[in-house]
Amino acid sequence: MENKLTKLQAFNAMVKFLEGYYEKTKSDDIGSLLGDLQLFSDGGTFDPAAWDDWIESVTAILKKNEEQVI
C-alpha cells in the first residue's frame, strides 16, 4: 500500500529537507527561504505568498501526473 501525505505533511517534509540542506551548506538564500516558510500557530506562513506558491506547485505536479496516467 502506498503512503500518501496531506499538503501540509508534504510541505513540512519539504521544510525538513531544506533544513538539512541548510545545515550542510549554511546558504543565506536557503536560510531566508526557511524563514519565509515558518508557520504561525494559525497555519499561515511568515511570507503569505509562500503557501500559495506551494499549492501552485502541488497542483502542477498532480496535473502532470494525471496526464501521464494511462
N, C-alpha and C. Protein backbone atom coordinates (compact mmCIF):
# COMPACT_ATOMS: atom_id res chain seq x y z
N MET A 1 0.85 -1.19 0.00
CA MET A 1 0.00 0.00 0.00
C MET A 1 0.89 1.25 0.00
N GLU A 2 0.51 2.22 -0.81
CA GLU A 2 1.27 3.46 -0.94
C GLU A 2 0.86 4.45 0.14
N ASN A 3 1.85 5.03 0.83
CA ASN A 3 1.56 6.07 1.80
C ASN A 3 1.30 7.38 1.07
N LYS A 4 0.36 8.14 1.57
CA LYS A 4 0.04 9.44 0.97
C LYS A 4 0.16 10.50 2.04
N LEU A 5 0.63 11.66 1.63
CA LEU A 5 0.77 12.80 2.53
C LEU A 5 -0.29 13.84 2.23
N THR A 6 -0.71 14.53 3.27
CA THR A 6 -1.54 15.71 3.06
C THR A 6 -0.65 16.81 2.51
N LYS A 7 -1.25 17.87 2.02
CA LYS A 7 -0.46 19.00 1.53
C LYS A 7 0.40 19.58 2.64
N LEU A 8 -0.13 19.64 3.86
CA LEU A 8 0.64 20.17 4.98
C LEU A 8 1.80 19.24 5.34
N GLN A 9 1.56 17.94 5.34
CA GLN A 9 2.63 17.00 5.64
C GLN A 9 3.73 17.08 4.57
N ALA A 10 3.34 17.19 3.31
CA ALA A 10 4.32 17.31 2.23
C ALA A 10 5.09 18.63 2.37
N PHE A 11 4.41 19.69 2.74
CA PHE A 11 5.06 20.98 2.98
C PHE A 11 6.10 20.84 4.09
N ASN A 12 5.71 20.19 5.19
CA ASN A 12 6.63 20.01 6.30
C ASN A 12 7.81 19.12 5.91
N ALA A 13 7.59 18.14 5.05
CA ALA A 13 8.68 17.29 4.57
C ALA A 13 9.66 18.12 3.74
N MET A 14 9.13 19.03 2.91
CA MET A 14 9.99 19.91 2.12
C MET A 14 10.82 20.80 3.03
N VAL A 15 10.18 21.36 4.06
CA VAL A 15 10.90 22.22 5.00
C VAL A 15 12.00 21.43 5.70
N LYS A 16 11.69 20.21 6.12
CA LYS A 16 12.69 19.36 6.79
C LYS A 16 13.88 19.10 5.85
N PHE A 17 13.60 18.81 4.59
CA PHE A 17 14.66 18.61 3.60
C PHE A 17 15.53 19.87 3.48
N LEU A 18 14.87 21.02 3.37
CA LEU A 18 15.61 22.27 3.23
C LEU A 18 16.43 22.59 4.48
N GLU A 19 15.90 22.26 5.65
CA GLU A 19 16.67 22.46 6.89
C GLU A 19 17.95 21.63 6.87
N GLY A 20 17.86 20.38 6.41
CA GLY A 20 19.04 19.54 6.30
C GLY A 20 20.04 20.12 5.32
N TYR A 21 19.55 20.61 4.19
CA TYR A 21 20.41 21.23 3.19
C TYR A 21 21.08 22.47 3.77
N TYR A 22 20.31 23.25 4.51
CA TYR A 22 20.86 24.47 5.12
C TYR A 22 21.96 24.11 6.12
N GLU A 23 21.75 23.08 6.92
CA GLU A 23 22.75 22.67 7.90
C GLU A 23 24.07 22.29 7.22
N LYS A 24 23.99 21.72 6.04
CA LYS A 24 25.20 21.31 5.31
C LYS A 24 25.89 22.48 4.62
N THR A 25 25.10 23.44 4.12
CA THR A 25 25.67 24.49 3.28
C THR A 25 25.74 25.87 3.93
N LYS A 26 24.89 26.11 4.91
CA LYS A 26 24.77 27.44 5.54
C LYS A 26 24.45 28.52 4.50
N SER A 27 23.72 28.14 3.46
CA SER A 27 23.35 29.06 2.39
C SER A 27 22.41 30.14 2.91
N ASP A 28 22.78 31.40 2.69
CA ASP A 28 21.92 32.50 3.10
C ASP A 28 20.57 32.46 2.38
N ASP A 29 20.59 32.07 1.11
CA ASP A 29 19.35 32.01 0.35
C ASP A 29 18.40 30.96 0.94
N ILE A 30 18.92 29.80 1.29
CA ILE A 30 18.08 28.75 1.88
C ILE A 30 17.62 29.20 3.26
N GLY A 31 18.49 29.84 4.03
CA GLY A 31 18.11 30.35 5.34
C GLY A 31 16.97 31.35 5.25
N SER A 32 17.04 32.22 4.27
CA SER A 32 15.99 33.21 4.06
C SER A 32 14.68 32.53 3.66
N LEU A 33 14.78 31.56 2.76
CA LEU A 33 13.59 30.81 2.34
C LEU A 33 12.96 30.10 3.53
N LEU A 34 13.78 29.47 4.36
CA LEU A 34 13.26 28.78 5.54
C LEU A 34 12.54 29.75 6.48
N GLY A 35 13.06 30.96 6.59
CA GLY A 35 12.38 31.97 7.41
C GLY A 35 11.00 32.28 6.87
N ASP A 36 10.87 32.38 5.56
CA ASP A 36 9.59 32.66 4.93
C ASP A 36 8.61 31.49 5.10
N LEU A 37 9.13 30.28 5.21
CA LEU A 37 8.28 29.09 5.27
C LEU A 37 7.83 28.72 6.67
N GLN A 38 8.32 29.41 7.69
CA GLN A 38 7.90 29.11 9.05
C GLN A 38 6.39 29.35 9.18
N LEU A 39 5.76 28.51 10.00
CA LEU A 39 4.31 28.59 10.16
C LEU A 39 3.92 29.30 11.45
N PHE A 40 2.94 30.18 11.34
CA PHE A 40 2.31 30.76 12.52
C PHE A 40 1.41 29.71 13.15
N SER A 41 0.98 29.94 14.37
CA SER A 41 0.10 28.98 15.05
C SER A 41 -1.24 28.80 14.31
N ASP A 42 -1.64 29.79 13.51
CA ASP A 42 -2.89 29.67 12.76
C ASP A 42 -2.70 28.91 11.44
N GLY A 43 -1.46 28.49 11.16
CA GLY A 43 -1.19 27.71 9.96
C GLY A 43 -0.68 28.52 8.79
N GLY A 44 -0.69 29.84 8.89
CA GLY A 44 -0.18 30.67 7.81
C GLY A 44 1.34 30.73 7.84
N THR A 45 1.94 30.98 6.67
CA THR A 45 3.39 31.12 6.61
C THR A 45 3.80 32.56 6.88
N PHE A 46 5.04 32.74 7.35
CA PHE A 46 5.55 34.08 7.62
C PHE A 46 5.45 34.94 6.37
N ASP A 47 5.74 34.37 5.22
CA ASP A 47 5.52 35.04 3.94
C ASP A 47 4.22 34.48 3.37
N PRO A 48 3.14 35.28 3.38
CA PRO A 48 1.84 34.76 2.96
C PRO A 48 1.84 34.14 1.56
N ALA A 49 2.69 34.60 0.67
CA ALA A 49 2.72 34.06 -0.68
C ALA A 49 3.34 32.67 -0.73
N ALA A 50 4.12 32.29 0.29
CA ALA A 50 4.82 31.01 0.27
C ALA A 50 3.85 29.83 0.20
N TRP A 51 2.78 29.88 0.98
CA TRP A 51 1.81 28.78 0.95
C TRP A 51 1.11 28.72 -0.41
N ASP A 52 0.74 29.87 -0.94
CA ASP A 52 0.10 29.91 -2.26
C ASP A 52 1.04 29.34 -3.33
N ASP A 53 2.32 29.68 -3.26
CA ASP A 53 3.30 29.14 -4.20
C ASP A 53 3.41 27.63 -4.05
N TRP A 54 3.35 27.15 -2.81
CA TRP A 54 3.41 25.71 -2.55
C TRP A 54 2.20 25.01 -3.17
N ILE A 55 1.02 25.56 -2.96
CA ILE A 55 -0.20 24.95 -3.50
C ILE A 55 -0.15 24.94 -5.03
N GLU A 56 0.35 26.00 -5.65
CA GLU A 56 0.51 26.02 -7.11
C GLU A 56 1.43 24.91 -7.58
N SER A 57 2.52 24.68 -6.85
CA SER A 57 3.46 23.62 -7.20
C SER A 57 2.82 22.25 -7.08
N VAL A 58 2.11 22.01 -5.98
CA VAL A 58 1.43 20.73 -5.77
C VAL A 58 0.40 20.50 -6.88
N THR A 59 -0.36 21.52 -7.19
CA THR A 59 -1.38 21.41 -8.24
C THR A 59 -0.75 21.08 -9.59
N ALA A 60 0.36 21.72 -9.91
CA ALA A 60 1.05 21.47 -11.18
C ALA A 60 1.55 20.03 -11.26
N ILE A 61 2.10 19.53 -10.17
CA ILE A 61 2.61 18.15 -10.17
C ILE A 61 1.46 17.16 -10.26
N LEU A 62 0.39 17.40 -9.53
CA LEU A 62 -0.76 16.50 -9.60
C LEU A 62 -1.35 16.48 -11.02
N LYS A 63 -1.42 17.64 -11.63
CA LYS A 63 -1.95 17.71 -13.01
C LYS A 63 -1.02 16.97 -13.97
N LYS A 64 0.27 17.15 -13.82
CA LYS A 64 1.24 16.47 -14.67
C LYS A 64 1.10 14.96 -14.51
N ASN A 65 0.94 14.49 -13.28
CA ASN A 65 0.79 13.07 -13.02
C ASN A 65 -0.49 12.52 -13.62
N GLU A 66 -1.57 13.30 -13.60
CA GLU A 66 -2.84 12.86 -14.21
C GLU A 66 -2.66 12.67 -15.71
N GLU A 67 -1.90 13.55 -16.34
CA GLU A 67 -1.69 13.47 -17.78
C GLU A 67 -0.87 12.26 -18.16
N GLN A 68 -0.06 11.75 -17.24
CA GLN A 68 0.80 10.61 -17.52
C GLN A 68 0.13 9.27 -17.22
N VAL A 69 -0.97 9.30 -16.49
CA VAL A 69 -1.66 8.05 -16.14
C VAL A 69 -2.40 7.53 -17.38
N ILE A 70 -2.20 6.27 -17.64
CA ILE A 70 -2.83 5.64 -18.82
C ILE A 70 -4.02 4.81 -18.36
